[in-house]
Amino acid sequence: MAATVAALALCVAAVGAPGSLARATKPKIVKVCDDYYTPTTVRIRKGLRVKWKWGTACGTDTHDVTLLKGPTGVKKRAFRSQTARSPFSFTKRFKKPGTYEFYCTRHPTVMQMTVRVRRPS
């Protein structure tokens, strides 16, 4: 019995406190290239992250990630990267469920994507 309790305590310590799983999970990766994001739709659970990576083999043009539309109460300026060339990356944690629509201000008609955030099940 004591050995079982000790083993369980070690497992809990290894996993961490509730909520640490979201911090420990690797972000979903979105590739930023000339002139597109891929994938164009990402689905994640609330509390997880998305990382946009400017690819070194994707040309030398500058791009950004800008929130066009998000859930009520989400501040657009909190979801805006700087305009940059590769190599560069931009990571955001999504704390509010809903649909987030992004675009590149340098290429607004061709560089668009969506992040769908759902509540944990």
Protein backbone atom coordinates (compact mmCIF):
# COMPACT_ATOMS: atom_id res chain seq x y z
CA MET A 1 0.00 0.00 0.00
CA ALA A 2 2.77 2.44 0.97
CA ALA A 3 4.59 1.66 -2.27
CA THR A 4 1.45 2.42 -4.29
CA VAL A 5 0.97 5.78 -2.54
CA ALA A 6 4.63 6.65 -3.10
CA ALA A 7 4.38 5.74 -6.79
CA LEU A 8 1.24 7.82 -7.17
CA ALA A 9 2.92 10.80 -5.49
CA LEU A 10 5.83 10.54 -7.94
CA CYS A 11 3.43 10.48 -10.89
CA VAL A 12 1.61 13.59 -9.66
CA ALA A 13 4.92 15.39 -9.13
CA ALA A 14 6.07 14.44 -12.63
CA VAL A 15 2.87 15.67 -14.26
CA GLY A 16 2.65 18.82 -12.17
CA ALA A 17 -0.22 20.85 -10.90
CA PRO A 18 -3.53 21.13 -12.77
CA GLY A 19 -3.20 23.57 -15.64
CA SER A 20 0.50 22.90 -16.17
CA LEU A 21 -0.33 20.57 -19.06
CA ALA A 22 -1.38 23.56 -21.20
CA ARG A 23 1.94 25.26 -20.46
CA ALA A 24 3.92 22.10 -21.17
CA THR A 25 2.20 21.26 -24.47
CA LYS A 26 4.10 22.30 -27.57
CA PRO A 27 2.41 25.02 -29.62
CA LYS A 28 0.73 24.36 -32.96
CA ILE A 29 3.07 25.59 -35.70
CA VAL A 30 1.96 27.81 -38.57
CA LYS A 31 4.49 28.37 -41.33
CA VAL A 32 4.73 31.93 -42.69
CA CYS A 33 5.90 32.07 -46.32
CA ASP A 34 5.63 34.20 -49.45
CA ASP A 35 2.60 34.80 -49.55
CA TYR A 36 0.69 32.34 -47.41
CA TYR A 37 0.22 30.80 -43.97
CA THR A 38 0.08 27.03 -43.70
CA PRO A 39 -2.08 25.53 -42.40
CA THR A 40 -4.82 28.11 -42.96
CA THR A 41 -6.97 26.70 -40.14
CA VAL A 42 -5.73 25.62 -36.71
CA ARG A 43 -7.88 24.03 -34.01
CA ILE A 44 -6.71 24.12 -30.39
CA ARG A 45 -8.09 23.89 -26.86
CA LYS A 46 -8.38 26.94 -24.64
CA GLY A 47 -5.08 27.77 -22.96
CA LEU A 48 -2.87 26.35 -25.71
CA ARG A 49 -0.51 28.27 -27.99
CA VAL A 50 0.07 28.88 -31.68
CA LYS A 51 3.53 29.70 -33.00
CA TRP A 52 3.97 31.38 -36.37
CA LYS A 53 7.40 30.69 -37.89
CA TRP A 54 8.83 32.62 -40.79
CA GLY A 55 10.61 29.99 -42.90
CA THR A 56 14.16 30.63 -44.06
CA ALA A 57 13.44 28.91 -47.38
CA CYS A 58 10.32 31.01 -47.99
CA GLY A 59 11.81 34.12 -49.54
CA THR A 60 12.88 37.47 -48.18
CA ASP A 61 9.60 39.38 -48.14
CA THR A 62 8.34 40.85 -44.85
CA HIS A 63 5.17 39.55 -43.18
CA ASP A 64 3.21 39.92 -39.97
CA VAL A 65 0.38 38.28 -38.08
CA THR A 66 -2.51 40.60 -37.26
CA LEU A 67 -5.85 39.82 -35.65
CA LEU A 68 -8.68 40.97 -37.88
CA LYS A 69 -11.54 39.63 -35.78
CA GLY A 70 -11.76 37.67 -32.55
CA PRO A 71 -14.15 36.79 -29.72
CA THR A 72 -15.80 39.65 -27.84
CA GLY A 73 -13.44 41.23 -25.35
CA VAL A 74 -10.21 40.11 -27.04
CA LYS A 75 -7.90 43.06 -27.71
CA LYS A 76 -6.65 43.09 -31.29
CA ARG A 77 -3.38 44.75 -30.36
CA ALA A 78 -2.52 41.80 -28.10
CA PHE A 79 -2.52 39.54 -31.19
CA ARG A 80 -0.22 41.43 -33.52
CA SER A 81 3.34 40.53 -34.37
CA GLN A 82 5.93 42.91 -35.64
CA THR A 83 6.56 42.98 -39.39
CA ALA A 84 9.64 40.85 -40.02
CA ARG A 85 11.71 38.75 -42.40
CA SER A 86 12.83 35.23 -41.61
CA PRO A 87 14.10 33.86 -39.38
CA PHE A 88 11.46 35.09 -36.94
CA SER A 89 8.66 33.65 -34.85
CA PHE A 90 5.64 34.90 -32.93
CA THR A 91 3.81 32.85 -30.28
CA LYS A 92 0.47 33.56 -28.59
CA ARG A 93 -1.56 31.73 -25.95
CA PHE A 94 -5.32 31.61 -26.58
CA LYS A 95 -7.22 32.03 -23.32
CA LYS A 96 -10.69 32.69 -24.70
CA PRO A 97 -12.71 30.17 -26.77
CA GLY A 98 -13.95 31.30 -30.15
CA THR A 99 -12.82 32.05 -33.69
CA TYR A 100 -9.82 34.25 -34.38
CA GLU A 101 -9.27 35.53 -37.92
CA PHE A 102 -5.75 36.65 -38.87
CA TYR A 103 -4.15 38.29 -41.89
CA CYS A 104 -0.85 39.81 -43.00
CA THR A 105 -1.12 43.59 -43.35
CA ARG A 106 1.45 43.48 -46.17
CA HIS A 107 -0.55 40.88 -48.16
CA PRO A 108 -4.14 41.11 -46.85
CA THR A 109 -5.92 39.49 -49.79
CA VAL A 110 -3.75 36.35 -49.99
CA MET A 111 -2.45 35.77 -46.46
CA GLN A 112 -5.38 34.89 -44.22
CA MET A 113 -5.94 32.19 -41.62
CA THR A 114 -8.22 31.13 -38.76
CA VAL A 115 -7.57 29.80 -35.26
CA ARG A 116 -10.53 28.01 -33.65
CA VAL A 117 -10.28 27.70 -29.88
CA ARG A 118 -12.57 25.31 -28.05
CA ARG A 119 -13.23 24.79 -24.38
CA PRO A 120 -11.42 21.85 -22.79
CA SER A 121 -13.55 18.72 -22.76
